[in-house]
Protein backbone atom coordinates (compact mmCIF):
# COMPACT_ATOMS: atom_id res chain seq x y z
CA MET A 1 -0.01 -0.14 -0.17
CA ASN A 2 0.80 3.81 -0.80
CA ARG A 3 2.97 4.54 2.61
CA TYR A 4 1.61 8.39 2.33
CA LEU A 5 -1.62 7.00 2.49
CA GLN A 6 -0.81 4.76 6.24
CA ASP A 7 -0.19 5.75 9.55
CA SER A 8 0.27 9.57 10.54
CA PHE A 9 -0.05 10.29 6.61
CA ALA A 10 -3.46 8.67 6.57
CA PRO A 11 -6.34 11.07 5.89
CA VAL A 12 -8.68 12.07 8.22
CA HIS A 13 -12.05 12.58 7.19
CA GLU A 14 -14.40 13.84 9.72
CA GLU A 15 -14.17 17.78 10.23
CA LEU A 16 -14.32 18.97 13.78
CA THR A 17 -14.99 21.69 15.88
CA ALA A 18 -13.81 21.42 19.81
CA PHE A 19 -14.04 24.48 22.07
CA ASP A 20 -12.24 25.14 25.03
CA LEU A 21 -9.64 22.89 24.82
CA GLU A 22 -7.25 21.10 27.78
CA VAL A 23 -4.24 22.87 28.48
CA THR A 24 -1.05 21.27 30.26
CA GLY A 25 1.14 24.00 31.14
CA ALA A 26 0.37 27.50 30.46
CA ILE A 27 -0.07 29.32 27.34
CA PRO A 28 1.48 32.57 27.50
CA ASP A 29 -0.96 35.60 27.88
CA HIS A 30 0.66 37.59 25.00
CA LEU A 31 -0.17 34.66 22.10
CA ASP A 32 -3.65 36.45 20.59
CA GLY A 33 -4.40 34.83 17.34
CA ARG A 34 -4.87 31.32 15.30
CA TYR A 35 -1.68 28.82 14.46
CA LEU A 36 -2.83 27.32 11.12
CA ARG A 37 -1.37 24.62 9.16
CA ILE A 38 -2.25 22.71 6.04
CA GLY A 39 -1.65 19.64 4.22
CA PRO A 40 -2.73 17.14 2.09
CA ASN A 41 -5.56 14.84 3.11
CA PRO A 42 -7.34 12.94 0.13
CA ALA A 43 -11.25 13.12 0.22
CA THR A 44 -11.70 9.81 -1.76
CA ASP A 45 -9.17 6.72 -2.02
CA PRO A 46 -6.69 8.10 -4.28
CA GLY A 47 -5.01 4.85 -5.70
CA GLU A 48 -1.76 3.45 -5.80
CA GLY A 49 -0.08 5.70 -7.65
CA TYR A 50 -0.93 8.46 -5.30
CA HIS A 51 1.49 11.30 -4.76
CA TRP A 52 1.68 13.15 -1.78
CA PHE A 53 1.81 16.47 -2.77
CA LEU A 54 -1.63 15.56 -4.68
CA GLY A 55 -4.08 15.40 -1.77
CA GLU A 56 -6.74 17.95 -1.20
CA GLY A 57 -6.20 20.60 1.10
CA MET A 58 -6.96 20.60 4.88
CA VAL A 59 -6.62 23.22 7.41
CA HIS A 60 -6.11 22.64 11.14
CA GLY A 61 -6.16 25.61 13.42
CA VAL A 62 -5.93 26.48 16.97
CA ARG A 63 -7.29 29.92 18.56
CA LEU A 64 -5.43 31.01 21.35
CA GLU A 65 -6.46 34.28 23.60
CA ASP A 66 -5.96 35.02 27.20
CA GLY A 67 -3.91 32.01 28.12
CA HIS A 68 -6.51 29.80 26.71
CA ALA A 69 -7.43 27.23 23.58
CA ARG A 70 -10.38 28.82 22.69
CA TRP A 71 -10.88 26.54 19.98
CA TYR A 72 -9.67 23.75 17.23
CA ARG A 73 -11.18 23.21 13.92
CA ASN A 74 -10.24 21.15 10.62
CA ARG A 75 -11.94 22.12 7.52
CA TYR A 76 -11.19 20.94 3.69
CA VAL A 77 -10.17 23.64 1.24
CA ARG A 78 -13.34 22.90 -0.99
CA GLN A 79 -12.95 23.30 -4.50
CA HIS A 80 -14.41 25.62 -6.89
CA GLY A 81 -14.98 24.28 -10.45
CA ASP A 82 -11.67 22.81 -12.08
CA ASP A 83 -9.13 24.57 -9.73
CA PHE A 84 -6.76 22.36 -7.53
CA PRO A 85 -7.39 22.75 -3.70
CA PRO A 86 -4.66 24.20 -2.36
CA ASN A 87 -2.75 22.19 0.41
CA THR A 88 0.72 23.50 0.74
CA ASN A 89 0.94 26.61 3.03
CA VAL A 90 -1.95 29.08 4.83
CA LEU A 91 -0.98 32.63 5.97
CA GLU A 92 -2.39 36.06 6.87
CA HIS A 93 -2.01 38.76 4.58
CA ALA A 94 -4.13 42.16 3.79
CA GLY A 95 -6.53 40.71 6.42
CA ARG A 96 -7.22 37.78 4.52
CA THR A 97 -6.50 34.08 5.29
CA LEU A 98 -4.97 32.38 2.60
CA ALA A 99 -4.38 28.47 1.39
CA ILE A 100 -1.67 28.51 -1.22
CA VAL A 101 -0.02 25.86 -3.16
CA GLU A 102 1.91 26.32 -6.59
CA ALA A 103 2.63 25.14 -10.36
CA GLY A 104 -0.38 27.55 -11.78
CA ALA A 105 -3.06 26.72 -8.88
CA LYS A 106 -4.84 29.90 -7.37
CA PRO A 107 -4.66 30.84 -3.65
CA TYR A 108 -7.87 30.16 -1.84
CA GLU A 109 -9.53 32.64 0.79
CA LEU A 110 -10.69 31.39 3.70
CA THR A 111 -12.71 32.93 6.74
CA HIS A 112 -12.00 33.49 10.44
CA ASP A 113 -13.49 29.66 11.41
CA LEU A 114 -11.78 28.01 8.02
CA ASP A 115 -14.48 27.76 6.03
CA THR A 116 -13.57 28.10 2.25
CA VAL A 117 -14.73 31.54 0.60
CA GLY A 118 -13.30 30.90 -2.95
CA PRO A 119 -10.15 31.69 -5.00
CA CYS A 120 -8.58 34.48 -4.81
CA ASP A 121 -6.79 36.80 -7.46
CA LEU A 122 -4.23 38.89 -5.93
CA GLY A 123 -4.53 41.15 -8.50
CA THR A 124 -3.99 38.54 -11.28
CA VAL A 125 -0.75 37.09 -10.63
CA THR A 126 0.44 35.50 -14.24
CA GLY A 127 0.22 31.57 -14.19
CA GLY A 128 -0.68 31.49 -10.73
CA TYR A 129 1.36 32.19 -7.43
CA THR A 130 3.64 30.03 -5.08
CA ALA A 131 3.63 27.76 -1.90
CA HIS A 132 6.33 30.46 -0.64
CA PRO A 133 6.27 33.79 -0.47
CA HIS A 134 8.51 35.55 1.74
CA GLU A 135 7.54 38.74 3.32
CA ASP A 136 10.18 41.68 3.70
CA PRO A 137 10.00 42.43 7.46
CA ASN A 138 10.11 46.21 6.24
CA THR A 139 7.75 46.97 3.93
CA GLY A 140 5.11 43.89 4.79
CA GLU A 141 5.12 43.25 0.95
CA LEU A 142 5.26 39.60 -0.25
CA HIS A 143 7.90 38.75 -2.51
CA ALA A 144 7.73 35.27 -4.68
CA VAL A 145 8.69 33.56 -7.45
CA SER A 146 5.95 31.26 -9.28
CA TYR A 147 5.64 28.54 -12.05
CA ASN A 148 3.50 26.77 -14.31
CA TRP A 149 4.05 23.92 -16.10
CA ALA A 150 2.38 25.44 -19.07
CA ARG A 151 4.90 28.47 -19.36
CA GLY A 152 7.82 26.63 -20.76
CA ASN A 153 11.19 28.24 -19.72
CA LEU A 154 9.41 31.23 -18.16
CA VAL A 155 9.06 31.56 -14.11
CA ASP A 156 7.41 35.11 -12.22
CA TYR A 157 8.57 37.35 -9.74
CA SER A 158 5.73 38.72 -8.19
CA VAL A 159 5.62 41.58 -5.04
CA ILE A 160 2.37 41.55 -3.68
CA GLY A 161 1.65 44.74 -1.61
CA THR A 162 0.10 45.48 1.77
CA ASP A 163 -3.01 45.86 0.12
CA GLY A 164 -3.14 42.67 -1.05
CA ARG A 165 -2.33 43.11 -4.86
CA VAL A 166 0.31 43.03 -7.27
CA ARG A 167 2.79 46.00 -7.08
CA HIS A 168 5.39 44.84 -9.33
CA GLN A 169 5.94 41.48 -11.90
CA ALA A 170 9.11 40.25 -14.07
CA GLU A 171 9.37 37.26 -15.88
CA ILE A 172 12.80 35.30 -15.55
CA GLU A 173 14.01 33.06 -18.44
CA VAL A 174 15.13 29.50 -16.92
CA THR A 175 16.98 26.60 -18.56
CA GLY A 176 13.98 24.41 -18.98
CA SER A 177 10.59 23.78 -16.66
CA PRO A 178 11.94 23.44 -13.13
CA MET A 179 9.74 22.61 -9.65
CA ILE A 180 10.66 25.70 -8.09
CA HIS A 181 9.10 25.00 -4.68
CA ASP A 182 10.57 27.97 -2.73
CA CYS A 183 12.95 31.10 -3.41
CA ALA A 184 14.84 33.27 -1.09
CA LEU A 185 15.22 37.06 -0.41
CA THR A 186 17.78 39.18 0.90
CA GLU A 187 17.87 43.10 1.49
CA HIS A 188 18.53 43.69 -2.24
CA TYR A 189 17.86 40.28 -4.32
CA LEU A 190 15.67 37.95 -5.12
CA VAL A 191 17.41 34.11 -4.92
CA VAL A 192 15.93 32.19 -7.98
CA TYR A 193 16.60 28.50 -7.78
CA ASP A 194 17.00 26.66 -10.83
CA LEU A 195 17.14 22.84 -10.24
CA PRO A 196 17.27 19.88 -11.74
CA VAL A 197 13.14 18.48 -11.07
CA THR A 198 11.64 19.19 -14.09
CA PHE A 199 8.30 19.07 -15.59
CA ASP A 200 7.67 16.00 -17.24
CA LEU A 201 5.52 14.55 -19.73
CA GLY A 202 6.36 10.85 -19.92
CA MET A 203 5.56 10.79 -15.97
CA VAL A 204 1.48 11.28 -16.59
CA ALA A 205 1.41 9.74 -19.80
CA GLY A 206 2.39 6.07 -18.35
CA GLU A 207 5.66 6.26 -20.29
CA ALA A 208 9.22 6.46 -18.60
CA PRO A 209 10.42 9.67 -17.69
CA ARG A 210 11.00 12.06 -20.26
CA PRO A 211 12.82 15.22 -19.00
CA LEU A 212 12.34 18.50 -21.34
CA GLN A 213 14.58 21.70 -21.36
CA GLY A 214 14.04 24.61 -22.84
CA GLN A 215 10.69 25.17 -24.44
CA LEU A 216 8.02 22.64 -23.93
CA GLN A 217 8.22 20.41 -26.98
CA ALA A 218 4.30 19.62 -26.35
CA THR A 219 0.96 21.47 -27.66
CA ASP A 220 -1.22 23.04 -24.91
CA ARG A 221 -3.90 20.44 -25.84
CA LEU A 222 -1.41 17.89 -25.43
CA ILE A 223 -0.35 19.17 -22.10
CA ASP A 224 -3.91 19.84 -21.01
CA GLN A 225 -5.32 16.28 -21.85
CA THR A 226 -2.08 15.12 -20.24
CA LEU A 227 -2.23 16.81 -16.82
CA ARG A 228 -5.97 16.00 -16.49
CA ARG A 229 -5.24 12.17 -16.95
CA GLY A 230 -2.36 12.80 -13.99
CA ARG A 231 -4.39 14.85 -12.11
CA THR A 232 -7.11 12.15 -11.91
CA ALA A 233 -3.96 9.41 -11.34
CA ARG A 234 -2.66 11.58 -8.90
CA VAL A 235 1.12 11.73 -10.55
CA LEU A 236 2.98 14.79 -9.73
CA PRO A 237 4.58 15.42 -13.64
CA TYR A 238 8.23 16.05 -12.54
CA SER A 239 11.00 14.10 -12.02
CA TRP A 240 14.98 14.26 -11.62
CA ASP A 241 16.95 15.14 -14.68
CA ALA A 242 20.56 14.15 -13.88
CA ASP A 243 21.69 16.54 -17.65
CA TYR A 244 19.54 19.65 -15.97
CA PRO A 245 22.35 22.01 -14.79
CA ALA A 246 21.83 22.88 -11.43
CA ARG A 247 22.27 26.92 -10.51
CA ILE A 248 21.31 29.80 -8.56
CA GLY A 249 19.87 32.97 -9.78
CA LEU A 250 20.35 36.55 -7.83
CA LEU A 251 17.86 39.12 -9.33
CA PRO A 252 17.76 42.60 -8.48
CA ARG A 253 14.68 42.88 -6.63
CA GLU A 254 13.10 45.92 -9.61
CA GLY A 255 15.33 44.09 -12.17
CA THR A 256 14.47 42.12 -15.11
CA SER A 257 15.50 38.61 -16.43
CA ALA A 258 18.51 39.85 -18.36
CA ASP A 259 20.20 41.28 -14.57
CA VAL A 260 19.81 38.02 -13.10
CA GLN A 261 23.39 36.66 -12.01
CA TRP A 262 23.63 33.08 -12.33
CA CYS A 263 26.19 30.59 -10.48
CA GLU A 264 26.50 27.02 -11.17
CA ILE A 265 26.40 24.93 -8.14
CA ASP A 266 26.40 21.09 -7.41
CA PRO A 267 23.51 18.83 -8.77
CA CYS A 268 20.88 19.12 -5.36
CA TYR A 269 17.22 19.97 -5.21
CA VAL A 270 16.11 22.37 -2.58
CA PHE A 271 12.58 22.37 -1.39
CA HIS A 272 13.05 25.04 1.74
CA THR A 273 15.35 28.27 2.55
CA LEU A 274 15.72 28.82 5.97
CA ASN A 275 16.79 32.43 4.89
CA ALA A 276 19.56 34.74 3.31
CA TYR A 277 21.38 37.84 3.68
CA GLU A 278 24.17 39.60 2.26
CA GLU A 279 27.39 40.19 4.01
CA GLY A 280 29.53 42.79 1.79
CA SER A 281 29.72 41.02 -1.62
CA ASP A 282 28.86 38.15 -0.47
CA VAL A 283 25.11 36.38 -0.51
CA MET A 284 24.91 33.69 2.23
CA ILE A 285 21.70 31.13 1.69
CA ASP A 286 20.59 28.67 4.09
CA VAL A 287 18.80 25.74 3.14
CA VAL A 288 17.92 22.12 3.53
CA ARG A 289 19.46 20.66 0.72
CA HIS A 290 18.75 16.80 -1.05
CA ASP A 291 21.16 15.12 -3.48
CA ARG A 292 18.89 14.49 -5.26
CA MET A 293 14.76 14.28 -5.51
CA PHE A 294 12.33 12.05 -7.49
CA ALA A 295 14.86 9.97 -9.16
CA SER A 296 13.42 6.76 -7.92
CA ASP A 297 10.52 7.35 -5.79
CA PHE A 298 7.56 9.11 -7.45
CA THR A 299 5.05 9.42 -4.54
CA GLY A 300 6.79 11.82 -2.66
CA PRO A 301 9.85 13.18 -1.08
CA ASN A 302 11.89 9.99 -0.48
CA GLU A 303 15.45 10.14 -1.61
CA GLY A 304 17.60 10.07 1.39
CA PRO A 305 18.67 12.28 4.18
CA ALA A 306 18.75 16.04 4.02
CA TYR A 307 20.94 18.51 5.74
CA LEU A 308 21.37 22.07 6.27
CA THR A 309 23.81 23.32 4.01
CA ARG A 310 24.76 27.22 3.77
CA PHE A 311 25.49 28.39 -0.22
CA THR A 312 27.74 31.44 -0.22
CA ILE A 313 28.00 33.10 -3.60
CA ASP A 314 30.67 35.50 -3.99
CA THR A 315 29.22 38.10 -6.54
CA ALA A 316 32.12 39.45 -7.54
CA ALA A 317 33.48 35.94 -8.58
CA GLY A 318 30.24 34.25 -9.54
CA LYS A 319 31.59 31.29 -7.11
CA VAL A 320 29.80 29.26 -4.80
CA ARG A 321 30.80 27.61 -1.64
CA GLU A 322 28.96 24.99 -0.02
CA HIS A 323 29.06 24.54 3.39
CA ARG A 324 26.97 21.42 5.54
CA PHE A 325 26.42 22.36 9.26
CA ASP A 326 25.74 19.35 10.83
CA GLU A 327 24.71 15.54 10.30
CA HIS A 328 20.85 15.92 11.53
CA SER A 329 18.90 14.70 8.72
CA GLN A 330 16.05 17.34 8.37
CA GLU A 331 13.30 19.25 6.82
CA PHE A 332 10.99 22.24 7.12
CA PRO A 333 13.26 25.05 8.41
CA ARG A 334 12.22 28.20 10.01
CA HIS A 335 13.74 31.30 11.58
CA ASP A 336 12.46 34.43 13.29
CA GLU A 337 10.75 36.12 10.46
CA ARG A 338 11.56 39.76 11.65
CA LEU A 339 14.88 38.94 10.40
CA THR A 340 13.92 37.86 6.58
CA GLY A 341 16.69 38.84 4.12
CA ARG A 342 18.93 39.96 7.05
CA ARG A 343 21.70 38.06 8.84
CA HIS A 344 19.78 35.44 11.31
CA ARG A 345 21.92 33.51 14.52
CA TYR A 346 19.27 30.96 14.89
CA GLY A 347 17.30 28.56 12.78
CA TYR A 348 14.87 25.32 13.61
CA ALA A 349 13.81 22.51 11.56
CA ALA A 350 11.97 19.36 12.43
CA GLY A 351 14.30 16.33 12.26
CA VAL A 352 13.70 13.25 9.80
CA VAL A 353 14.48 9.55 10.02
CA ALA A 354 16.83 8.22 7.60
CA THR A 355 14.59 6.78 5.24
CA GLY A 356 13.28 10.35 4.62
CA VAL A 357 9.83 9.23 4.67
CA ARG A 358 8.74 10.80 8.07
CA THR A 359 9.72 13.28 10.72
CA GLY A 360 10.87 11.56 13.68
CA ASP A 361 10.47 13.16 17.69
CA SER A 362 13.01 15.60 17.20
CA VAL A 363 12.87 19.38 17.22
CA LEU A 364 16.35 21.08 16.03
CA LYS A 365 17.66 24.71 16.89
CA HIS A 366 20.90 25.73 15.06
CA ASP A 367 23.21 28.26 16.41
CA LEU A 368 24.70 29.27 13.06
CA VAL A 369 27.28 31.84 14.75
CA ALA A 370 28.88 29.17 17.50
CA GLY A 371 28.03 25.95 14.41
CA THR A 372 26.16 24.05 17.08
CA THR A 373 22.88 22.29 17.02
CA THR A 374 20.60 21.22 19.99
CA GLU A 375 18.71 18.27 19.49
CA ARG A 376 15.34 17.99 21.57
CA ARG A 377 13.20 14.80 21.62
CA LEU A 378 9.76 14.84 22.30
CA GLY A 379 9.23 11.19 23.41
CA ALA A 380 9.83 8.29 21.64
CA GLY A 381 7.56 7.46 18.59
CA ARG A 382 5.84 10.62 18.82
CA GLU A 383 6.31 12.49 15.15
CA VAL A 384 6.74 16.55 14.90
CA SER A 385 5.30 18.85 12.10
CA GLU A 386 6.96 22.06 11.28
CA PHE A 387 7.43 24.53 14.13
CA CYS A 388 6.96 27.99 13.77
CA PHE A 389 8.80 31.04 15.86
CA VAL A 390 6.66 33.31 17.91
CA PRO A 391 8.26 36.25 19.18
CA SER A 392 7.50 37.20 22.79
CA ALA A 393 7.42 40.90 22.04
CA PRO A 394 8.02 42.73 18.62
CA ASP A 395 11.08 43.92 19.83
CA SER A 396 12.26 40.94 22.09
CA ALA A 397 15.67 39.00 21.26
CA GLU A 398 15.84 36.88 18.13
CA ASP A 399 15.21 33.59 20.37
CA ALA A 400 13.02 34.93 22.88
CA GLY A 401 9.46 33.51 22.23
CA VAL A 402 7.91 30.08 21.37
CA LEU A 403 8.07 27.48 18.74
CA MET A 404 4.59 26.24 17.64
CA GLY A 405 3.93 23.18 15.88
CA TYR A 406 1.51 19.99 15.96
CA VAL A 407 2.81 16.61 17.20
CA PHE A 408 1.34 13.56 17.10
CA ASP A 409 1.32 10.70 19.58
CA PRO A 410 0.32 7.30 17.54
CA ALA A 411 -0.27 5.54 21.13
CA ALA A 412 -2.91 8.07 22.09
CA GLY A 413 -4.08 8.30 18.10
CA ILE A 414 -4.38 12.07 18.83
CA SER A 415 -2.10 15.22 18.21
CA ASP A 416 -1.30 18.04 20.37
CA LEU A 417 -0.64 21.92 19.32
CA MET A 418 3.29 21.71 21.41
CA LEU A 419 4.59 25.30 22.06
CA LEU A 420 8.26 25.19 23.29
CA ASP A 421 10.42 27.97 24.81
CA ALA A 422 12.94 29.14 21.66
CA GLU A 423 15.66 29.38 24.10
CA THR A 424 15.76 26.19 25.61
CA LEU A 425 13.28 24.07 23.69
CA GLU A 426 11.75 23.13 26.69
CA ASP A 427 7.96 22.73 27.20
CA VAL A 428 5.86 25.52 27.70
CA ALA A 429 2.66 24.25 26.64
CA ALA A 430 0.59 21.73 24.98
CA VAL A 431 -2.98 22.07 23.98
CA HIS A 432 -4.63 18.72 23.93
CA LEU A 433 -6.65 18.14 20.22
CA PRO A 434 -9.80 16.21 20.03
CA GLY A 435 -8.23 14.42 16.86
CA ARG A 436 -5.53 13.31 14.72
CA VAL A 437 -3.62 16.28 12.61
CA PRO A 438 -1.93 13.95 9.79
CA ALA A 439 1.61 14.40 8.77
CA GLY A 440 1.57 17.58 6.20
CA PHE A 441 2.89 20.70 5.27
CA HIS A 442 3.35 24.23 6.29
CA GLY A 443 1.68 26.62 9.09
CA ASN A 444 2.05 29.47 10.25
CA TRP A 445 0.95 32.13 13.48
CA ALA A 446 -1.94 34.54 12.47
CA SER A 447 -1.97 37.20 15.27
CA THR A 448 -4.85 39.14 15.85
CA GLY A 449 -3.11 42.44 16.26
């Protein structure tokens, strides 16, 4: 049976609402808002060929206020028309709660109570949106790279203003048609990953993987027909292309495709950036680096361990150095987002078991200045998810606050929302939920203030 339909990945089908949740420990009084997280949750049996990334989205939320856990809700993102319901990230921007995904699908707006409002065009971003925008803490604008299999070798850089609409957009020419799951932001640059996981018509046509470089060598009609078959079969039309050049691009924030400085790196794949910043003429980019992706396993990200790695781009020489920080396999890196695009010291991640199929029971804290990593084990058999950082005050120190994320206890069959002290990784509080939150993707704190 498909591993992404079993155990902690298995979908839940009941939409729950619970009030006045039991809490162990003490929720800090300053936390006034919602912790939101989303993930794939197939509504019907998707079959053995199912790819984890393609399940319908379900959002899970907990409302915290005055030291209490007021409610928990889980809700499907309900599909409108032929849209793909977002399943990858959920965040608050310009007063709206947005569920987002990539590869040409539209963002969806949700109510405060997580019911679906419907598609949201953000002022019409070309070719859909992304799962990973990055907010500039100085301006409040969202910067993103969006890709779409129908766009050939073009991807789009967009800036969404604090009014929730596009302020700036530019096309970027890449080598072929890559999957660009994330990007990065520095003070002066957008960082673009052009890496060897590329659009592959053969994957959804039931043939051997067939990488395509340059402009897509197929008609729009063939692409549409093939992808509709692939969507029905839950096949992800991307695979590893060993011949595709791996490179990182630096685009000046208000620049055009002609202004990108491209730098070659060793073949790898990056789902997630921790953070990036400039130091003199160097650009430092901290990521979780996979040696390859979707080369042998076409149901999910299961190609071996992944490590926190720094790419240092010498912009004067056009060269890139790599440095691996430690030997913990990990994913879902996060940082204090008040420092997005600026120099950071700390990063946090979920430990991943050696096979890479699921997270383990550990939360990692990296001190990137001291070069040390602290591991907090939450209990044998428990499974952590992504933890995000919430500061204790707007002007508090970088690690003064809490880490917040869902933890599943297989023995009990239910999940908790765990709050850890970001400095020590010790328990602050656990909110006990009425059910299980399946293994999923990304979450964020949506403050009421």
